[in-house]
Protein backbone atom coordinates (compact mmCIF):
# COMPACT_ATOMS: atom_id res chain seq x y z
CA MET A 1 -20.98 -30.91 -44.24
CA ASN A 2 -19.01 -32.38 -41.33
CA THR A 3 -15.46 -32.57 -42.72
CA GLU A 4 -14.26 -34.37 -39.59
CA GLY A 5 -16.31 -37.50 -40.25
CA PHE A 6 -16.03 -40.36 -42.70
CA LEU A 7 -17.95 -41.90 -45.60
CA ASN A 8 -17.82 -45.17 -47.51
CA PHE A 9 -17.58 -45.17 -51.30
CA ASN A 10 -17.77 -48.59 -52.97
CA GLY A 11 -16.34 -50.31 -49.91
CA LYS A 12 -13.51 -47.89 -49.16
CA VAL A 13 -13.59 -45.38 -46.32
CA PHE A 14 -12.62 -41.74 -46.94
CA ARG A 15 -12.87 -38.48 -45.04
CA ASN A 16 -16.05 -36.51 -45.67
CA ASP A 17 -14.18 -33.79 -47.54
CA LYS A 18 -12.70 -36.20 -50.11
CA LEU A 19 -13.85 -35.49 -53.69
CA LEU A 20 -14.85 -38.83 -55.17
CA ILE A 21 -17.06 -38.57 -58.26
CA SER A 22 -16.08 -37.71 -61.81
CA PRO A 23 -17.67 -34.74 -63.63
CA ASP A 24 -19.04 -37.41 -66.00
CA ASN A 25 -20.86 -39.27 -63.22
CA HIS A 26 -24.34 -40.20 -64.47
CA SER A 27 -26.02 -39.21 -61.22
CA PHE A 28 -24.28 -35.83 -61.14
CA SER A 29 -25.06 -35.16 -64.83
CA TYR A 30 -28.58 -36.57 -65.10
CA GLY A 31 -29.92 -37.37 -61.63
CA ASP A 32 -29.62 -41.06 -62.55
CA GLY A 33 -29.85 -43.22 -59.46
CA CYS A 34 -31.65 -43.48 -56.15
CA PHE A 35 -31.07 -43.23 -52.42
CA GLU A 36 -32.23 -44.84 -49.21
CA THR A 37 -32.50 -43.07 -45.84
CA MET A 38 -32.53 -45.27 -42.75
CA LYS A 39 -32.56 -44.85 -38.99
CA MET A 40 -30.17 -46.71 -36.71
CA LEU A 41 -30.95 -47.16 -33.02
CA ASN A 42 -28.64 -49.00 -30.62
CA GLY A 43 -26.86 -50.84 -33.42
CA LYS A 44 -29.99 -51.87 -35.35
CA ILE A 45 -31.50 -50.41 -38.52
CA ILE A 46 -35.22 -49.78 -38.04
CA LEU A 47 -37.33 -51.72 -40.57
CA GLU A 48 -34.18 -52.98 -42.27
CA ALA A 49 -36.00 -55.59 -44.38
CA TYR A 50 -38.42 -52.96 -45.71
CA HIS A 51 -35.53 -50.69 -46.70
CA LEU A 52 -33.61 -53.42 -48.50
CA GLU A 53 -36.77 -54.52 -50.30
CA ARG A 54 -37.37 -50.97 -51.54
CA LEU A 55 -33.73 -50.52 -52.53
CA PHE A 56 -33.74 -53.72 -54.62
CA SER A 57 -37.06 -52.80 -56.20
CA SER A 58 -35.73 -49.36 -57.15
CA LEU A 59 -32.54 -50.81 -58.64
CA GLN A 60 -34.56 -53.26 -60.71
CA THR A 61 -36.90 -50.54 -61.98
CA LEU A 62 -33.90 -48.34 -62.87
CA GLN A 63 -32.29 -51.27 -64.75
CA PHE A 64 -29.18 -51.60 -62.63
CA ASN A 65 -27.37 -54.92 -62.51
CA LYS A 66 -28.59 -56.92 -59.51
CA PRO A 67 -26.14 -56.40 -56.62
CA SER A 68 -26.46 -59.43 -54.34
CA PHE A 69 -23.74 -57.81 -52.21
CA PHE A 70 -26.31 -55.37 -50.83
CA ILE A 71 -28.06 -58.12 -48.87
CA SER A 72 -24.83 -59.69 -47.63
CA ASP A 73 -23.52 -59.53 -44.09
CA ALA A 74 -20.41 -57.83 -45.50
CA PHE A 75 -22.44 -54.85 -46.75
CA LYS A 76 -24.34 -54.54 -43.48
CA SER A 77 -21.00 -54.61 -41.69
CA GLU A 78 -19.76 -51.73 -43.86
CA VAL A 79 -22.80 -49.68 -42.85
CA MET A 80 -22.39 -50.34 -39.14
CA GLU A 81 -18.60 -49.90 -39.22
CA LEU A 82 -19.07 -46.44 -40.72
CA VAL A 83 -21.58 -45.53 -38.02
CA LYS A 84 -19.09 -46.72 -35.40
CA ARG A 85 -16.22 -44.82 -36.99
CA ASN A 86 -18.30 -41.64 -37.01
CA LYS A 87 -18.95 -42.25 -33.29
CA HIS A 88 -22.75 -42.39 -33.55
CA LYS A 89 -23.24 -44.49 -30.45
CA LYS A 90 -27.01 -44.52 -29.93
CA SER A 91 -28.82 -43.05 -32.92
CA ALA A 92 -27.89 -42.15 -36.49
CA ARG A 93 -29.35 -41.21 -39.84
CA ILE A 94 -27.85 -43.34 -42.60
CA ARG A 95 -28.04 -42.54 -46.29
CA ILE A 96 -27.09 -44.91 -49.12
CA THR A 97 -26.81 -43.18 -52.50
CA ILE A 98 -26.70 -45.21 -55.70
CA SER A 99 -25.32 -43.94 -59.02
CA ARG A 100 -24.70 -45.61 -62.37
CA GLY A 101 -21.19 -44.31 -63.00
CA ASN A 102 -19.65 -42.33 -65.84
CA GLY A 103 -20.78 -41.65 -69.40
CA GLY A 104 -23.34 -39.90 -71.56
CA LEU A 105 -26.95 -40.85 -72.14
CA TYR A 106 -26.08 -43.51 -74.72
CA ASP A 107 -22.58 -44.56 -73.71
CA THR A 108 -22.66 -45.32 -69.99
CA GLU A 109 -19.72 -47.45 -68.85
CA ASN A 110 -21.99 -50.12 -67.37
CA ASN A 111 -25.12 -50.62 -65.26
CA ASP A 112 -23.31 -51.59 -62.08
CA PRO A 113 -24.45 -49.63 -59.01
CA ASN A 114 -21.86 -47.45 -57.31
CA TYR A 115 -22.73 -46.84 -53.68
CA LEU A 116 -22.00 -44.09 -51.19
CA ILE A 117 -22.75 -44.61 -47.48
CA GLN A 118 -22.98 -41.61 -45.14
CA SER A 119 -24.08 -41.26 -41.53
CA TRP A 120 -25.00 -38.39 -39.21
CA ASP A 121 -25.66 -38.25 -35.50
CA LEU A 122 -29.37 -38.21 -34.65
CA ASN A 123 -30.90 -36.69 -31.54
CA VAL A 124 -33.02 -39.15 -29.55
CA SER A 125 -35.77 -36.52 -29.45
CA ASN A 126 -36.62 -37.74 -32.95
CA ASN A 127 -38.08 -40.84 -31.30
CA LYS A 128 -40.94 -38.80 -29.82
CA ILE A 129 -44.03 -37.44 -31.51
CA ASN A 130 -43.91 -33.67 -31.93
CA GLU A 131 -45.47 -31.55 -29.17
CA ASN A 132 -46.24 -28.63 -31.47
CA GLY A 133 -48.18 -29.28 -34.65
CA LEU A 134 -46.50 -28.66 -38.00
CA LEU A 135 -47.35 -25.73 -40.26
CA LEU A 136 -47.79 -26.61 -43.93
CA ASP A 137 -49.26 -25.24 -47.12
CA VAL A 138 -49.80 -26.48 -50.67
CA TYR A 139 -46.97 -25.88 -53.15
CA THR A 140 -48.29 -25.15 -56.65
CA LYS A 141 -45.26 -24.11 -58.70
CA SER A 142 -44.32 -27.67 -59.64
CA ARG A 143 -46.10 -30.99 -60.17
CA LYS A 144 -44.86 -34.45 -59.21
CA ALA A 145 -45.09 -36.94 -62.08
CA CYS A 146 -47.27 -40.06 -61.89
CA ASP A 147 -45.33 -42.73 -63.76
CA ASP A 148 -43.37 -45.96 -63.25
CA PHE A 149 -40.57 -44.06 -61.51
CA SER A 150 -42.40 -41.57 -59.30
CA HIS A 151 -42.50 -43.89 -56.27
CA ILE A 152 -38.66 -44.19 -56.23
CA LYS A 153 -36.44 -42.02 -54.02
CA SER A 154 -34.69 -40.79 -57.14
CA ASN A 155 -31.50 -38.72 -57.23
CA ASN A 156 -33.55 -36.30 -59.34
CA PHE A 157 -35.40 -34.63 -56.46
CA LEU A 158 -35.95 -31.18 -58.00
CA CYS A 159 -39.68 -30.95 -57.19
CA TYR A 160 -38.96 -31.72 -53.53
CA VAL A 161 -36.00 -29.35 -53.38
CA MET A 162 -37.98 -26.41 -54.75
CA GLY A 163 -40.92 -27.20 -52.49
CA ALA A 164 -38.61 -27.24 -49.47
CA LEU A 165 -37.06 -23.91 -50.44
CA TRP A 166 -40.53 -22.44 -50.83
CA ALA A 167 -41.60 -23.78 -47.43
CA LYS A 168 -38.52 -22.32 -45.76
CA GLU A 169 -39.11 -18.96 -47.45
CA HIS A 170 -42.67 -18.89 -46.09
CA LYS A 171 -41.62 -20.05 -42.59
CA LEU A 172 -43.38 -23.40 -42.91
CA ASN A 173 -42.27 -26.80 -41.65
CA ASP A 174 -43.04 -28.55 -44.94
CA ALA A 175 -44.93 -28.23 -48.22
CA VAL A 176 -47.66 -30.43 -49.69
CA LEU A 177 -46.93 -31.50 -53.28
CA LEU A 178 -49.39 -32.10 -56.10
CA ASN A 179 -49.42 -34.31 -59.20
CA PRO A 180 -50.36 -33.09 -62.72
CA HIS A 181 -54.05 -33.76 -61.91
CA ASN A 182 -53.90 -31.40 -58.89
CA LYS A 183 -54.24 -34.31 -56.47
CA ILE A 184 -52.13 -34.76 -53.34
CA THR A 185 -48.93 -36.82 -53.64
CA ASP A 186 -46.87 -36.33 -50.46
CA THR A 187 -44.74 -33.59 -48.85
CA THR A 188 -41.11 -32.69 -49.37
CA LEU A 189 -40.10 -34.75 -46.32
CA ALA A 190 -42.76 -37.38 -45.78
CA ASN A 191 -45.80 -39.35 -46.81
CA LEU A 192 -49.15 -37.84 -45.87
CA PHE A 193 -52.16 -39.35 -44.09
CA LEU A 194 -55.47 -37.70 -43.28
CA VAL A 195 -58.60 -38.59 -41.35
CA LYS A 196 -61.98 -37.66 -42.78
CA ASP A 197 -65.39 -38.97 -41.72
CA GLY A 198 -63.70 -41.61 -39.58
CA ILE A 199 -61.63 -43.04 -42.47
CA ILE A 200 -57.83 -42.88 -42.66
CA LYS A 201 -56.65 -42.02 -46.16
CA THR A 202 -53.29 -41.71 -47.87
CA PRO A 203 -52.42 -41.07 -51.54
CA ALA A 204 -52.04 -44.28 -53.55
CA LEU A 205 -48.65 -44.95 -55.14
CA THR A 206 -50.30 -44.35 -58.52
CA GLU A 207 -50.79 -40.72 -57.43
CA GLY A 208 -47.03 -40.11 -57.58
CA CYS A 209 -45.99 -40.37 -53.93
CA ILE A 210 -42.76 -41.94 -52.70
CA ALA A 211 -43.16 -45.57 -51.64
CA GLY A 212 -42.30 -44.76 -48.05
CA VAL A 213 -41.05 -47.52 -45.77
CA THR A 214 -42.86 -46.14 -42.71
CA ARG A 215 -45.94 -45.59 -44.87
CA LYS A 216 -45.94 -49.28 -45.85
CA TYR A 217 -45.34 -50.44 -42.30
CA LEU A 218 -48.01 -48.14 -40.85
CA LEU A 219 -50.62 -49.24 -43.40
CA LYS A 220 -50.06 -52.83 -42.26
CA CYS A 221 -50.38 -51.79 -38.60
CA ILE A 222 -53.59 -49.85 -39.27
CA LYS A 223 -55.12 -52.83 -41.07
CA ASP A 224 -54.03 -55.19 -38.29
CA GLU A 225 -55.80 -52.90 -35.80
CA GLY A 226 -58.99 -53.18 -37.86
CA MET A 227 -59.16 -49.46 -38.60
CA PRO A 228 -60.74 -48.29 -41.87
CA VAL A 229 -58.02 -47.13 -44.27
CA GLU A 230 -57.84 -46.30 -47.98
CA GLU A 231 -55.00 -45.76 -50.46
CA THR A 232 -56.73 -43.43 -52.87
CA SER A 233 -56.83 -40.17 -54.81
CA ILE A 234 -57.12 -37.09 -52.57
CA THR A 235 -58.12 -33.58 -53.64
CA VAL A 236 -56.84 -30.39 -52.04
CA ASP A 237 -60.37 -29.62 -50.81
CA GLU A 238 -60.60 -33.01 -49.13
CA LEU A 239 -57.26 -32.42 -47.44
CA LEU A 240 -58.31 -28.99 -46.18
CA GLN A 241 -61.64 -30.35 -44.89
CA SER A 242 -60.07 -33.25 -42.97
CA SER A 243 -60.28 -33.53 -39.21
CA GLU A 244 -56.67 -34.68 -38.77
CA VAL A 245 -53.49 -34.79 -40.87
CA PHE A 246 -50.19 -36.47 -40.03
CA LEU A 247 -46.92 -37.25 -41.80
CA THR A 248 -44.68 -40.32 -41.75
CA ASN A 249 -41.03 -40.95 -42.57
CA ALA A 250 -38.21 -43.25 -41.51
CA ILE A 251 -36.47 -40.76 -39.23
CA ARG A 252 -39.33 -39.22 -37.25
CA GLY A 253 -41.98 -41.93 -37.49
CA ILE A 254 -45.20 -39.90 -37.16
CA ARG A 255 -45.62 -36.12 -36.86
CA TRP A 256 -48.97 -34.39 -36.57
CA VAL A 257 -49.98 -31.33 -38.58
CA ARG A 258 -51.64 -28.35 -36.93
CA GLU A 259 -52.29 -26.15 -39.93
CA ILE A 260 -52.41 -26.25 -43.74
CA GLY A 261 -53.17 -22.88 -45.25
CA LYS A 262 -56.13 -21.57 -43.27
CA SER A 263 -57.30 -25.02 -42.12
CA ASN A 264 -56.60 -26.16 -38.57
CA TYR A 265 -56.46 -29.74 -37.32
CA LYS A 266 -56.66 -31.55 -34.04
CA THR A 267 -54.41 -34.44 -33.08
CA GLN A 268 -55.84 -37.68 -31.76
CA LEU A 269 -55.18 -40.69 -33.96
CA ALA A 270 -51.56 -39.74 -34.66
CA ALA A 271 -50.67 -40.10 -30.98
CA VAL A 272 -52.47 -43.45 -30.77
CA LEU A 273 -50.68 -44.83 -33.83
CA HIS A 274 -47.35 -43.52 -32.60
CA LYS A 275 -47.80 -45.37 -29.32
CA LYS A 276 -49.10 -48.60 -30.87
CA CYS A 277 -46.94 -48.84 -34.00
CA ILE A 278 -43.92 -46.54 -33.89
CA LEU A 279 -42.74 -46.57 -30.27
CA PRO A 280 -42.23 -50.37 -30.27
CA LEU A 281 -39.79 -49.86 -33.17
CA PHE A 282 -37.93 -47.01 -31.51
CA GLU A 283 -37.69 -48.71 -28.12
């Protein structure tokens, strides 16, 4: 952690090394809450409306009180003031973490959302598609749930954490996650797309994947371009037999995958979609 920077907790700015939460904090004790990761370029948050829509949807699903403050100019000013104070002039990764506050399972203080805003400097190289394809494999020691909460960027991210540790141990760039039915959900860092028999496919939200902002935006772009695309159920065999695989998230946009297990992939469509859909956002 950068102890020289600053963070914003419920509207007040503190140094990064300031201890702020109680041991009884509901998010710390139970993973109760959600988070939003956004990319700032030249003073603007990329796909800001999509992020705020997802944040409000998550808060509603998690039964928080509705915080109209989060769509106010004052809140946006807090975000950008923190970025400025941390001296992120051109590009930054911004994270907003929401927690319910203190209490046990049945005696929480209230359902008001507490918020923590953090920012980190981001290299402009993240605006480009990767030159070298990513190395992945399928993680089988855990299963991502398929329920009313699985699409949320929850503060309970254990499946993703363990998958990431496994990927690092095996010198991989990322790990593909499965749901209880052994179908593809997403990866520890991104949503997943594949191309098979000329059709672009991505796991449906009902399969347990995160409702990614870039995923949603890219699906709209693909449909606007008239390309065949499906949100569907995907087996491991179908993934391994695909001609192309690429990942999407808010920070990197699109990254192409070179290898999953013993299967190798070419890159063609990922570069086209990056140029048509992602570069206009990053420029």
